[in-house]
Protein backbone atom coordinates (compact mmCIF):
# COMPACT_ATOMS: atom_id res chain seq x y z
CA MET A 1 25.58 -11.95 17.22
CA THR A 2 21.99 -13.20 17.30
CA HIS A 3 19.15 -10.94 16.78
CA SER A 4 16.08 -12.55 16.91
CA ILE A 5 12.79 -11.17 17.32
CA LEU A 6 12.97 -12.09 20.87
CA SER A 7 16.45 -10.71 21.73
CA THR A 8 15.52 -7.01 19.99
CA PRO A 9 14.31 -4.18 22.73
CA ARG A 10 11.46 -3.03 20.11
CA SER A 11 9.99 -6.91 21.62
CA SER A 12 10.51 -6.02 25.07
CA SER A 13 6.48 -5.03 24.53
CA SER A 14 5.76 -8.94 24.28
CA THR A 15 2.36 -9.43 24.52
CA LEU A 16 0.67 -12.09 26.62
CA HIS A 17 0.45 -14.22 23.42
CA GLU A 18 4.06 -13.84 22.64
CA VAL A 19 4.99 -14.92 26.56
CA GLY A 20 2.62 -17.71 26.19
CA ALA A 21 3.76 -18.85 23.06
CA LEU A 22 7.60 -19.12 24.37
CA ALA A 23 7.25 -22.58 25.39
CA LEU A 24 6.55 -23.43 21.48
CA ARG A 25 9.10 -21.59 20.41
CA PRO A 26 11.37 -24.32 18.97
CA VAL A 27 15.48 -24.46 19.10
CA LEU A 28 17.02 -24.38 15.68
CA SER A 29 20.86 -24.73 15.05
CA GLU A 30 23.43 -22.13 15.43
CA ALA A 31 23.57 -22.03 11.74
CA LEU A 32 19.99 -21.09 11.17
CA GLU A 33 20.05 -18.58 13.70
CA GLN A 34 22.16 -16.98 12.03
CA GLU A 35 20.81 -16.88 8.81
CA ILE A 36 17.46 -15.79 10.45
CA ALA A 37 19.41 -12.69 11.96
CA ARG A 38 20.86 -11.88 8.90
CA ASP A 39 17.46 -11.74 7.12
CA GLU A 40 15.84 -9.17 10.22
CA LEU A 41 18.77 -7.40 9.73
CA ARG A 42 18.43 -6.50 5.94
CA THR A 43 15.00 -6.22 6.82
CA GLU A 44 15.19 -3.60 9.73
CA LYS A 45 18.03 -1.87 7.36
CA TYR A 46 16.38 -1.79 4.18
CA GLY A 47 12.60 -1.72 5.09
CA GLY A 48 11.68 -3.01 1.51
CA ASP A 49 14.16 -0.77 -0.17
CA ASP A 50 17.58 -3.58 -0.02
CA PRO A 51 19.53 -2.66 -2.90
CA ARG A 52 21.44 -5.52 -3.57
CA GLU A 53 20.42 -8.45 -5.54
CA PRO A 54 19.29 -11.70 -3.67
CA ALA A 55 22.72 -13.15 -4.42
CA ALA A 56 23.84 -11.46 -2.05
CA ASP A 57 23.73 -13.81 0.81
CA THR A 58 25.80 -11.90 3.67
CA ILE A 59 24.89 -8.51 4.80
CA PRO A 60 27.89 -5.97 4.71
CA PRO A 61 29.37 -6.30 8.12
CA THR A 62 28.51 -4.20 10.87
CA PRO A 63 30.98 -2.67 13.85
CA GLU A 64 30.18 -5.32 15.43
CA GLU A 65 31.27 -8.07 13.23
CA GLY A 66 34.45 -6.40 10.90
CA ASP A 67 34.66 -2.76 9.42
CA PRO A 68 34.84 -0.72 12.28
CA ASN A 69 34.44 2.62 9.92
CA LEU A 70 31.41 1.32 9.11
CA VAL A 71 29.02 2.99 10.86
CA SER A 72 26.18 1.25 12.55
CA TRP A 73 23.17 1.93 15.36
CA ASP A 74 24.81 2.46 18.67
CA GLY A 75 23.52 -1.19 19.86
CA THR A 76 20.32 -3.09 19.52
CA ASP A 77 18.55 -0.19 21.96
CA ASP A 78 20.12 2.89 20.26
CA PRO A 79 16.50 5.58 19.95
CA ALA A 80 17.40 7.08 16.94
CA ASN A 81 16.68 3.73 15.16
CA PRO A 82 13.12 3.89 14.01
CA GLN A 83 12.36 0.51 15.25
CA ASN A 84 13.40 1.27 18.84
CA TRP A 85 10.57 4.20 18.58
CA SER A 86 8.05 4.37 21.41
CA VAL A 87 4.83 2.90 20.45
CA LYS A 88 2.89 5.90 20.73
CA TYR A 89 5.47 7.74 18.70
CA LYS A 90 4.93 4.96 15.91
CA TRP A 91 1.64 5.50 16.04
CA ALA A 92 1.55 9.13 15.92
CA VAL A 93 3.88 8.86 12.86
CA THR A 94 1.36 5.57 11.07
CA VAL A 95 -1.46 8.19 11.98
CA VAL A 96 -0.18 11.08 9.97
CA CYS A 97 0.93 9.07 7.08
CA SER A 98 -2.64 7.83 7.34
CA PHE A 99 -4.21 11.43 6.84
CA LEU A 100 -1.96 12.13 3.78
CA THR A 101 -3.26 8.94 2.38
CA VAL A 102 -6.75 10.39 2.51
CA CYS A 103 -5.34 13.15 1.38
CA VAL A 104 -4.76 11.71 -2.04
CA THR A 105 -6.74 9.53 -2.54
CA PHE A 106 -9.54 12.03 -1.89
CA ALA A 107 -8.21 14.07 -4.73
CA SER A 108 -8.54 11.07 -6.92
CA SER A 109 -12.33 10.66 -6.57
CA ALA A 110 -13.56 13.70 -5.88
CA PRO A 111 -14.02 15.58 -9.35
CA THR A 112 -16.52 12.27 -10.58
CA SER A 113 -18.74 14.18 -8.64
CA ALA A 114 -18.95 17.05 -10.87
CA THR A 115 -18.03 15.77 -13.93
CA LEU A 116 -21.18 16.90 -15.47
CA LEU A 117 -20.80 19.85 -14.56
CA ILE A 118 -17.17 20.55 -15.95
CA ALA A 119 -18.75 18.56 -19.42
CA GLU A 120 -21.71 21.47 -19.76
CA HIS A 121 -19.29 24.47 -18.82
CA PHE A 122 -16.37 23.17 -21.36
CA HIS A 123 -18.92 21.96 -23.82
CA THR A 124 -18.00 18.67 -24.35
CA SER A 125 -18.60 15.02 -24.47
CA MET A 126 -18.80 12.87 -21.11
CA GLU A 127 -15.96 10.80 -22.30
CA VAL A 128 -13.55 13.59 -22.57
CA VAL A 129 -14.59 14.61 -18.90
CA ASN A 130 -14.09 10.90 -17.67
CA LEU A 131 -10.33 11.82 -18.49
CA VAL A 132 -9.77 13.62 -15.30
CA THR A 133 -10.11 10.49 -13.37
CA THR A 134 -7.93 8.53 -15.47
CA CYS A 135 -4.96 11.04 -15.85
CA PHE A 136 -4.91 11.46 -12.35
CA LEU A 137 -4.32 7.54 -11.83
CA LEU A 138 -2.16 7.36 -15.02
CA GLY A 139 0.08 9.95 -13.09
CA TYR A 140 0.42 7.32 -10.30
CA VAL A 141 1.39 4.83 -12.88
CA PHE A 142 4.71 7.02 -13.17
CA GLY A 143 5.53 8.05 -10.41
CA PRO A 144 6.85 5.14 -8.59
CA PHE A 145 9.71 5.33 -10.93
CA PHE A 146 10.92 8.51 -9.87
CA TRP A 147 9.63 8.57 -6.25
CA GLY A 148 11.14 5.07 -5.71
CA PRO A 149 15.25 6.08 -6.55
CA GLY A 150 14.47 9.39 -4.72
CA SER A 151 13.16 7.80 -1.46
CA GLU A 152 16.38 5.51 -1.68
CA LEU A 153 18.73 7.97 -2.74
CA LEU A 154 17.37 10.81 -0.43
CA GLY A 155 15.09 9.39 2.32
CA ARG A 156 11.36 9.36 2.81
CA ARG A 157 10.96 13.18 4.23
CA PRO A 158 12.17 15.20 1.57
CA ILE A 159 10.42 13.01 -1.13
CA PHE A 160 7.45 13.58 0.61
CA ILE A 161 8.02 17.75 0.79
CA GLY A 162 8.62 18.38 -2.22
CA ALA A 163 5.98 16.06 -3.97
CA PHE A 164 3.23 16.95 -1.68
CA THR A 165 4.12 20.70 -2.13
CA ALA A 166 4.02 20.33 -5.81
CA PHE A 167 0.77 18.16 -5.39
CA THR A 168 -0.79 21.05 -3.77
CA LEU A 169 0.10 24.14 -5.92
CA LEU A 170 -1.31 21.86 -9.08
CA HIS A 171 -4.43 22.31 -7.59
CA LEU A 172 -4.24 26.41 -8.98
CA GLY A 173 -4.31 24.37 -12.31
CA GLU A 174 -7.27 22.76 -11.86
CA ALA A 175 -9.56 24.99 -9.66
CA LEU A 176 -8.21 28.09 -12.56
CA ALA A 177 -8.17 26.05 -15.72
CA HIS A 178 -10.26 28.33 -18.80
CA ASN A 179 -10.29 24.76 -20.62
CA MET A 180 -10.22 20.83 -20.30
CA GLN A 181 -6.46 20.38 -21.61
CA THR A 182 -5.23 22.37 -18.83
CA LEU A 183 -7.48 20.59 -16.54
CA LEU A 184 -6.33 17.28 -17.67
CA VAL A 185 -2.53 17.83 -17.93
CA SER A 186 -3.28 19.83 -14.25
CA ARG A 187 -4.74 16.80 -12.87
CA PHE A 188 -2.13 14.15 -14.37
CA LEU A 189 0.57 16.17 -13.03
CA GLY A 190 -1.36 16.02 -9.57
CA GLY A 191 -1.62 12.09 -9.56
CA PHE A 192 2.17 11.98 -10.42
CA PHE A 193 3.44 13.75 -6.96
CA ALA A 194 0.06 12.39 -5.27
CA VAL A 195 1.56 8.95 -5.72
CA ALA A 196 4.95 9.75 -3.85
CA PRO A 197 3.18 10.05 -0.12
CA MET A 198 1.44 7.14 -1.01
CA THR A 199 4.75 5.42 -1.78
CA THR A 200 6.68 7.10 1.37
CA CYS A 201 4.05 6.26 3.89
CA GLY A 202 4.23 3.01 2.86
CA GLY A 203 7.69 2.70 3.41
CA ILE A 204 7.47 4.84 6.42
CA ILE A 205 5.27 1.79 7.45
CA ALA A 206 8.10 -0.47 6.88
CA ASP A 207 10.33 0.99 8.23
CA ILE A 208 9.16 1.50 11.73
CA TRP A 209 7.26 -1.14 12.20
CA ASP A 210 7.87 -4.83 13.13
CA PRO A 211 5.80 -8.12 11.87
CA VAL A 212 3.56 -7.56 15.28
CA GLY A 213 2.89 -4.21 14.57
CA ARG A 214 2.67 -4.26 11.72
CA GLY A 215 -0.63 -6.01 10.79
CA LEU A 216 -2.87 -3.44 12.63
CA SER A 217 -0.63 -0.74 11.20
CA THR A 218 -1.02 -1.76 7.82
CA SER A 219 -4.58 -2.30 8.52
CA MET A 220 -5.53 1.96 9.66
CA PHE A 221 -3.00 2.57 5.74
CA SER A 222 -5.45 0.20 4.08
CA ALA A 223 -8.28 2.00 5.61
CA SER A 224 -7.16 4.73 4.35
CA VAL A 225 -6.80 3.87 0.86
CA PHE A 226 -10.19 3.64 0.62
CA ILE A 227 -11.90 5.99 3.06
CA GLY A 228 -9.93 9.20 1.32
CA PRO A 229 -12.02 7.91 -2.66
CA VAL A 230 -15.30 6.88 -0.57
CA MET A 231 -15.25 10.68 0.93
CA GLY A 232 -14.20 12.43 -2.67
CA PRO A 233 -17.57 11.65 -3.80
CA ILE A 234 -19.48 12.53 -1.32
CA ILE A 235 -18.18 15.86 0.14
CA ALA A 236 -17.26 16.93 -3.48
CA SER A 237 -21.34 16.18 -4.88
CA PHE A 238 -22.52 18.82 -1.83
CA VAL A 239 -20.39 21.35 -3.10
CA SER A 240 -21.03 21.16 -6.45
CA GLU A 241 -24.42 21.37 -6.46
CA SER A 242 -24.13 24.18 -4.14
CA TYR A 243 -23.94 28.29 -4.73
CA LEU A 244 -20.22 27.29 -5.07
CA GLY A 245 -20.00 25.37 -8.38
CA TRP A 246 -17.39 22.94 -9.53
CA ARG A 247 -14.71 24.92 -9.38
CA TRP A 248 -14.83 24.44 -5.71
CA VAL A 249 -13.82 20.72 -5.48
CA PHE A 250 -10.53 21.46 -6.42
CA TRP A 251 -10.53 24.48 -4.60
CA LEU A 252 -11.72 22.24 -1.03
CA MET A 253 -8.85 19.70 -2.39
CA MET A 254 -5.66 21.96 -2.69
CA ILE A 255 -7.00 23.91 1.10
CA PHE A 256 -6.96 20.10 2.50
CA SER A 257 -3.97 19.25 0.90
CA GLY A 258 -2.15 21.80 1.83
CA ALA A 259 -3.29 21.51 5.59
CA CYS A 260 -2.06 17.73 5.13
CA CYS A 261 1.70 19.25 3.75
CA ILE A 262 1.94 21.33 6.78
CA LEU A 263 0.90 18.29 9.30
CA GLY A 264 3.25 16.24 7.35
CA ILE A 265 6.15 19.11 7.48
CA VAL A 266 6.13 19.34 11.03
CA PHE A 267 5.21 16.05 12.17
CA LEU A 268 6.63 13.61 9.86
CA PRO A 269 10.26 12.67 10.47
CA GLU A 270 13.12 10.78 8.41
CA THR A 271 12.79 6.41 8.55
CA TYR A 272 14.60 5.44 5.97
CA ALA A 273 17.72 3.25 7.94
CA PRO A 274 20.38 3.62 5.51
CA VAL A 275 19.57 7.49 4.95
CA LEU A 276 19.84 7.91 8.83
CA LEU A 277 23.29 6.38 8.94
CA ALA A 278 24.28 8.34 6.46
CA LYS A 279 23.95 11.15 8.36
CA LYS A 280 24.99 10.32 11.40
CA ALA A 281 28.54 9.49 9.22
CA LYS A 282 28.35 12.82 8.03
CA ARG A 283 27.72 14.36 11.64
CA LEU A 284 30.49 12.24 13.18
CA ARG A 285 32.75 13.39 10.39
CA LYS A 286 32.12 16.78 10.34
CA GLU A 287 32.66 16.60 14.45
CA ASP A 288 35.84 15.58 14.83
CA PRO A 289 37.33 15.51 11.22
CA GLU A 290 40.65 13.52 12.29
CA LYS A 291 39.42 10.69 14.48
CA TYR A 292 36.92 10.02 12.43
CA LYS A 293 38.24 10.32 8.46
CA ASP A 294 37.74 6.97 7.29
CA LEU A 295 34.02 6.35 8.84
CA TYR A 296 31.48 5.82 6.21
CA ALA A 297 28.02 4.63 5.82
CA GLU A 298 26.74 1.84 3.90
CA GLN A 299 24.85 3.98 1.61
CA ASP A 300 28.22 6.11 0.80
CA ARG A 301 29.39 2.72 -1.12
CA GLN A 302 26.61 1.84 -2.85
CA ASP A 303 26.04 2.43 -6.36
CA TRP A 304 23.90 5.87 -7.30
CA SER A 305 24.53 5.68 -10.97
CA PHE A 306 21.35 6.28 -13.36
CA LYS A 307 21.93 2.19 -14.07
CA GLY A 308 22.06 1.00 -10.83
CA LEU A 309 19.08 3.17 -10.27
CA MET A 310 17.24 2.18 -12.93
CA HIS A 311 17.99 -1.23 -12.24
CA ARG A 312 16.93 -1.49 -8.46
CA THR A 313 14.14 0.28 -8.94
CA LEU A 314 12.75 -0.06 -12.76
CA LEU A 315 13.90 -2.70 -13.82
CA ARG A 316 14.19 -5.11 -10.54
CA PRO A 317 10.41 -4.64 -10.20
CA PHE A 318 9.26 -5.95 -13.96
CA HIS A 319 11.75 -8.98 -13.56
CA MET A 320 9.90 -9.59 -10.19
CA LEU A 321 6.60 -9.84 -12.27
CA ALA A 322 7.99 -11.74 -15.27
CA MET A 323 9.65 -14.30 -12.68
CA GLU A 324 7.30 -14.78 -9.96
CA PRO A 325 4.11 -16.51 -9.76
CA ILE A 326 2.84 -15.04 -6.60
CA LEU A 327 3.25 -11.85 -7.76
CA VAL A 328 1.37 -11.99 -10.41
CA LEU A 329 -1.69 -13.49 -9.75
CA VAL A 330 -1.69 -11.24 -6.60
CA THR A 331 -1.34 -8.11 -9.01
CA VAL A 332 -3.88 -9.04 -11.54
CA TYR A 333 -6.23 -10.00 -8.89
CA LEU A 334 -5.85 -6.40 -7.14
CA ALA A 335 -5.66 -4.48 -10.33
CA VAL A 336 -9.20 -5.77 -10.71
CA VAL A 337 -10.39 -5.14 -7.27
CA TYR A 338 -9.11 -1.81 -8.07
CA GLY A 339 -10.77 -1.22 -11.31
CA VAL A 340 -13.96 -2.31 -9.79
CA LEU A 341 -13.59 0.53 -6.90
CA TYR A 342 -13.44 3.18 -10.01
CA SER A 343 -15.74 2.21 -12.08
CA LEU A 344 -18.51 2.28 -9.28
CA PHE A 345 -17.25 6.48 -9.83
CA GLU A 346 -19.05 6.00 -13.15
CA ALA A 347 -21.06 3.12 -12.49
CA LEU A 348 -23.39 4.66 -9.87
CA PRO A 349 -25.16 7.08 -10.92
CA VAL A 350 -26.35 5.40 -14.07
CA ILE A 351 -27.82 3.28 -11.56
CA PHE A 352 -28.97 6.21 -9.08
CA ILE A 353 -29.52 9.31 -11.45
CA THR A 354 -30.35 8.01 -15.04
CA ARG A 355 -32.12 4.72 -13.95
CA ARG A 356 -33.59 6.80 -10.26
CA GLY A 357 -33.68 10.18 -10.89
CA PHE A 358 -31.20 10.62 -7.87
CA THR A 359 -29.50 13.79 -7.74
CA ILE A 360 -25.47 14.38 -7.98
CA SER A 361 -25.40 15.14 -4.35
CA GLN A 362 -27.99 12.27 -3.10
CA ASN A 363 -25.73 9.79 -5.29
CA GLY A 364 -22.68 10.99 -3.67
CA LEU A 365 -24.20 9.74 -0.38
CA ILE A 366 -24.61 5.86 -1.45
CA PHE A 367 -20.76 6.01 -1.54
CA ILE A 368 -20.97 6.02 2.74
CA GLY A 369 -21.82 2.20 2.00
CA VAL A 370 -18.23 1.97 0.80
CA GLY A 371 -16.43 3.22 3.88
CA ILE A 372 -18.41 1.56 5.86
CA GLY A 373 -18.00 -1.42 4.27
CA ALA A 374 -13.67 -0.41 4.42
CA ILE A 375 -14.40 0.29 8.01
CA LEU A 376 -15.57 -3.77 8.69
CA GLY A 377 -13.28 -4.89 6.45
CA SER A 378 -10.51 -3.41 8.55
CA LEU A 379 -11.83 -5.05 11.56
CA LEU A 380 -12.40 -8.51 10.16
CA ASN A 381 -8.54 -7.85 9.09
CA LEU A 382 -7.68 -7.98 12.68
CA TYR A 383 -9.53 -10.44 13.43
CA PHE A 384 -8.15 -12.68 10.87
CA THR A 385 -4.85 -11.91 12.17
CA ARG A 386 -5.07 -11.74 16.17
CA HIS A 387 -2.93 -15.18 16.21
CA TYR A 388 -0.23 -13.55 14.61
CA PRO A 389 1.70 -12.64 18.11
CA THR A 390 1.74 -16.29 18.35
CA LEU A 391 3.15 -17.26 14.91
CA ILE A 392 5.85 -14.55 15.34
CA VAL A 393 7.26 -15.75 18.15
CA LYS A 394 7.08 -19.57 17.30
CA TRP A 395 8.51 -18.88 14.23
CA HIS A 396 11.19 -16.61 15.27
CA GLY A 397 9.74 -13.31 13.68
CA PHE A 398 8.83 -15.21 10.51
CA PRO A 399 5.98 -16.82 9.97
CA PRO A 400 4.44 -18.67 7.04
CA PRO A 401 3.10 -15.51 4.85
CA GLU A 402 0.36 -17.83 3.88
CA GLN A 403 -1.26 -16.93 7.65
CA ARG A 404 -2.05 -13.54 5.96
CA LEU A 405 -4.74 -15.27 3.85
CA PHE A 406 -7.52 -15.69 5.56
CA GLY A 407 -8.76 -12.18 5.42
CA ALA A 408 -9.02 -12.54 1.21
CA MET A 409 -10.53 -16.40 1.69
CA PHE A 410 -13.37 -14.16 3.11
CA ALA A 411 -13.49 -11.42 0.97
CA GLY A 412 -12.92 -13.17 -2.62
CA PRO A 413 -16.62 -14.91 -2.56
CA CYS A 414 -18.18 -12.00 -0.94
CA LEU A 415 -17.22 -9.58 -3.81
CA VAL A 416 -18.87 -11.78 -6.24
CA ILE A 417 -21.76 -11.77 -4.43
CA GLY A 418 -21.76 -7.99 -3.94
CA ALA A 419 -21.25 -7.71 -7.86
CA PHE A 420 -24.21 -9.71 -8.75
CA TRP A 421 -26.08 -8.32 -5.76
CA LEU A 422 -25.40 -4.39 -6.99
CA GLY A 423 -25.87 -5.64 -10.65
CA TRP A 424 -29.44 -7.12 -10.47
CA THR A 425 -31.37 -5.26 -7.92
CA GLY A 426 -29.80 -1.97 -9.62
CA GLU A 427 -31.24 -2.35 -12.93
CA TYR A 428 -35.16 -2.20 -11.69
CA ALA A 429 -36.45 1.10 -10.78
CA ALA A 430 -38.73 -1.15 -8.77
CA VAL A 431 -36.27 -2.22 -6.68
CA PRO A 432 -36.18 -0.08 -3.68
CA TRP A 433 -33.08 2.02 -3.80
CA TYR A 434 -31.62 1.01 -0.72
CA VAL A 435 -31.09 -2.49 -1.86
CA PRO A 436 -28.75 -1.89 -4.02
CA ALA A 437 -27.02 0.68 -1.88
CA MET A 438 -26.56 -2.06 0.85
CA SER A 439 -24.50 -3.60 -1.41
CA MET A 440 -21.38 -0.91 -1.34
CA VAL A 441 -21.15 -2.33 2.05
CA LEU A 442 -19.99 -5.52 0.92
CA ILE A 443 -18.23 -4.25 -2.04
CA GLY A 444 -16.65 -1.58 0.43
CA LEU A 445 -16.13 -4.68 2.94
CA SER A 446 -14.57 -6.99 -0.24
CA VAL A 447 -12.26 -4.99 -1.79
CA ASN A 448 -10.17 -3.37 1.28
CA LEU A 449 -10.14 -7.37 2.99
CA VAL A 450 -8.37 -8.26 -0.34
CA PHE A 451 -6.15 -5.39 -0.34
CA MET A 452 -5.24 -5.30 3.33
CA SER A 453 -4.76 -9.44 2.84
CA PHE A 454 -2.91 -9.59 -0.18
CA LEU A 455 -0.46 -6.22 0.56
CA SER A 456 0.63 -8.61 3.30
CA TYR A 457 1.16 -11.18 1.78
CA LEU A 458 3.33 -9.63 -0.31
CA VAL A 459 5.26 -8.25 2.62
CA ASP A 460 5.84 -11.05 4.13
CA THR A 461 6.71 -13.21 1.34
CA TYR A 462 9.25 -10.85 -0.31
CA LEU A 463 10.27 -8.72 2.80
CA MET A 464 13.78 -6.97 1.72
CA TYR A 465 12.43 -6.69 -1.63
CA SER A 466 8.64 -5.96 -0.94
CA ALA A 467 9.07 -2.18 -2.64
CA SER A 468 9.92 -3.96 -5.93
CA ALA A 469 6.84 -5.67 -5.48
CA PHE A 470 4.72 -3.16 -4.36
CA ALA A 471 6.35 -1.03 -6.84
CA ALA A 472 5.37 -3.48 -9.90
CA ASN A 473 1.46 -4.34 -8.70
CA THR A 474 1.14 -0.07 -8.28
CA VAL A 475 1.83 0.18 -11.76
CA VAL A 476 -0.26 -2.07 -13.04
CA ARG A 477 -3.13 -1.87 -10.79
CA SER A 478 -3.25 1.78 -11.55
CA ALA A 479 -2.72 1.05 -15.59
CA VAL A 480 -6.26 -0.86 -15.05
CA ALA A 481 -7.91 1.57 -12.89
CA ALA A 482 -7.33 4.59 -15.05
CA ALA A 483 -9.06 2.38 -17.80
CA PHE A 484 -12.22 1.20 -16.00
CA PRO A 485 -13.41 4.76 -16.28
CA LEU A 486 -13.21 4.88 -19.86
CA PHE A 487 -15.42 2.19 -20.68
CA THR A 488 -17.46 2.03 -17.62
CA VAL A 489 -20.71 3.86 -18.61
CA GLN A 490 -20.68 2.43 -21.57
CA MET A 491 -20.67 -0.71 -20.41
CA PHE A 492 -23.05 -0.48 -17.87
CA THR A 493 -25.19 1.49 -20.58
CA ASN A 494 -25.42 -1.34 -23.58
CA LEU A 495 -25.22 -4.41 -21.25
CA GLY A 496 -27.34 -3.56 -18.55
CA VAL A 497 -26.25 -2.88 -15.10
CA ASN A 498 -27.29 -6.52 -14.54
CA TRP A 499 -25.20 -7.85 -17.38
CA ALA A 500 -22.75 -5.70 -16.44
CA GLY A 501 -22.74 -6.24 -13.00
CA THR A 502 -22.77 -10.06 -13.83
CA LEU A 503 -19.07 -9.52 -15.79
CA ILE A 504 -18.07 -8.26 -13.24
CA GLY A 505 -18.77 -10.71 -10.60
CA PHE A 506 -17.72 -13.69 -13.02
CA VAL A 507 -14.45 -12.02 -13.21
CA SER A 508 -14.03 -11.86 -9.38
CA LEU A 509 -15.21 -15.58 -9.20
CA ALA A 510 -12.34 -16.48 -12.07
CA LEU A 511 -10.21 -15.27 -9.32
CA ALA A 512 -11.94 -16.02 -6.08
CA PRO A 513 -9.99 -19.09 -5.68
CA SER A 514 -6.71 -16.76 -5.31
CA PRO A 515 -5.87 -17.23 -1.52
CA PHE A 516 -7.37 -20.61 -1.56
CA LEU A 517 -4.44 -21.67 -3.84
CA PHE A 518 -2.07 -19.60 -2.30
CA TYR A 519 -2.48 -21.20 1.41
CA LYS A 520 -2.15 -24.89 -0.37
CA TYR A 521 0.44 -24.30 -2.88
CA GLY A 522 2.05 -21.36 -1.81
CA ALA A 523 4.98 -22.45 0.39
CA LYS A 524 6.24 -24.95 -3.15
CA ILE A 525 5.82 -21.81 -5.38
CA ARG A 526 7.75 -19.77 -3.14
CA SER A 527 10.23 -22.43 -2.16
CA ARG A 528 11.51 -21.58 -6.04
CA SER A 529 11.68 -17.92 -6.00
CA LYS A 530 14.76 -16.13 -6.37
CA PHE A 531 13.40 -12.97 -3.94
CA ALA A 532 11.53 -14.54 -1.12
CA PRO A 533 13.80 -15.24 1.53
CA CYS A 534 11.39 -18.64 2.60
CA ILE A 535 12.58 -18.77 6.34
CA ASP A 536 9.32 -20.61 7.98
CA LEU A 537 10.64 -23.11 4.98
CA LYS A 538 14.14 -23.88 6.58
CA ILE A 539 12.75 -23.48 9.93
CA ALA A 540 10.14 -26.11 8.65
CA ALA A 541 12.51 -28.40 7.55
CA GLU A 542 15.23 -27.61 10.29
CA LEU A 543 12.18 -28.79 12.86
CA GLU A 544 11.15 -31.95 10.30
CA ALA A 545 15.00 -33.13 10.37
CA GLN A 546 14.91 -33.30 14.25
CA LYS A 547 11.89 -34.69 14.35
CA GLU A 548 13.13 -37.71 12.11
CA LYS A 549 16.11 -37.98 14.84
CA GLY A 550 14.13 -37.64 17.63
CA GLN A 551 14.96 -34.39 19.09
CA VAL A 552 12.04 -33.02 19.19
């Protein structure tokens, strides 16, 4: 039975571009059609969390294909399958996910506007106070090792509810802290639990959207990752300077997270297919124990031992990081870009408060430029991926991942320009403040567009193993971002804003050719990968063979 992208009900809402591309859709051999169907079913079933190793070249039998006791969906149009939910409902879930992501990323940056006041209150140095951001991001480093296995075992929703509730309550320790030790420990634990919603929401988007809808939904989700950190300093700067004081920054964060927690509990459903099928099997066995006594879900037969879980969620990401050149270079690039974003929270006060005499709230307003840039980056990503519906049809649902790279090609040079622009205009107080402030738009656009482009590239490259790729990427980039606040102020003070910006610009320049190299050589690199399915390469090879035989 073939489950190609055009035969599934969720593709019934094909755009005019898809309909027009039907004529371009090649006819493939039955063997390749079956292989495509298997990979599509694996991707639909597991999202990016396939528990099996790449050597498992066949999926477990479905009721239609084999074992009648194995629970599956009730046909290809089963409404219980998240892939078959209505587009409106999918967008509602995506919007909720975006709100939750804005909330946890808002918490990562908001206290940066209160660091001077916190240092004064606790009579400590700025180096120690900068750990408020670093500790939160260190929580991002360790969290995925727990929430990855948790979401695979229990599902997305229970992990979200438990972690987000803990994240909300930990704001009490931050707001009521009587010493720096309490504040820093609370921040670390807050980051540890805050990364769970980010991981969960990314999985939810993979669970519910097919490749056509994934582009726009990923754009919204990625934009929310940057809107949160941008909103943090803007809002928190006015709160900390007001009569409320710096503690109300944390109270505000708690109110925001509490509201989002309620929103998620009420409106966020379970979307992970293996967990939904396991619940279905349990329900049927309970309804008729005699008839369904041998019924089971695939999740019931998985290896849930500590060793098995650690292999899939801890060892596999780093195995991929060691063996996959694409993942290594993408991770390095995104780590630098993520570090640049968080270095801005420490660098801008040097440029605008120290050099130009801005107040804390005036400095916070500079981050509006990053937000504008992030929104423009999302719009540009839609433009660069406007041809994707046609490609989906032409390539049987598995277009070349390199088609996701146009945004990064555009954004890489823009980030270089933005870094030099900020450095050399920010150094001199005689240059009007709005000149370096305008560079924030270009930097925000570049950071967001690089992220959207490369994260989409990883998803399309690794498909059912993309969760492991994301885990490795998240850990490394969060560790790098956690380190940046520790030396940013010293770097911009000792080197000068101009040479610090130049250093960042040259590092960005060294990495800017990456998407161009991937576009040219990515297919060859993927062909040697153990984890990349490379369906597009198999389709291209068959078409080439047909052409040589004169069949096309």
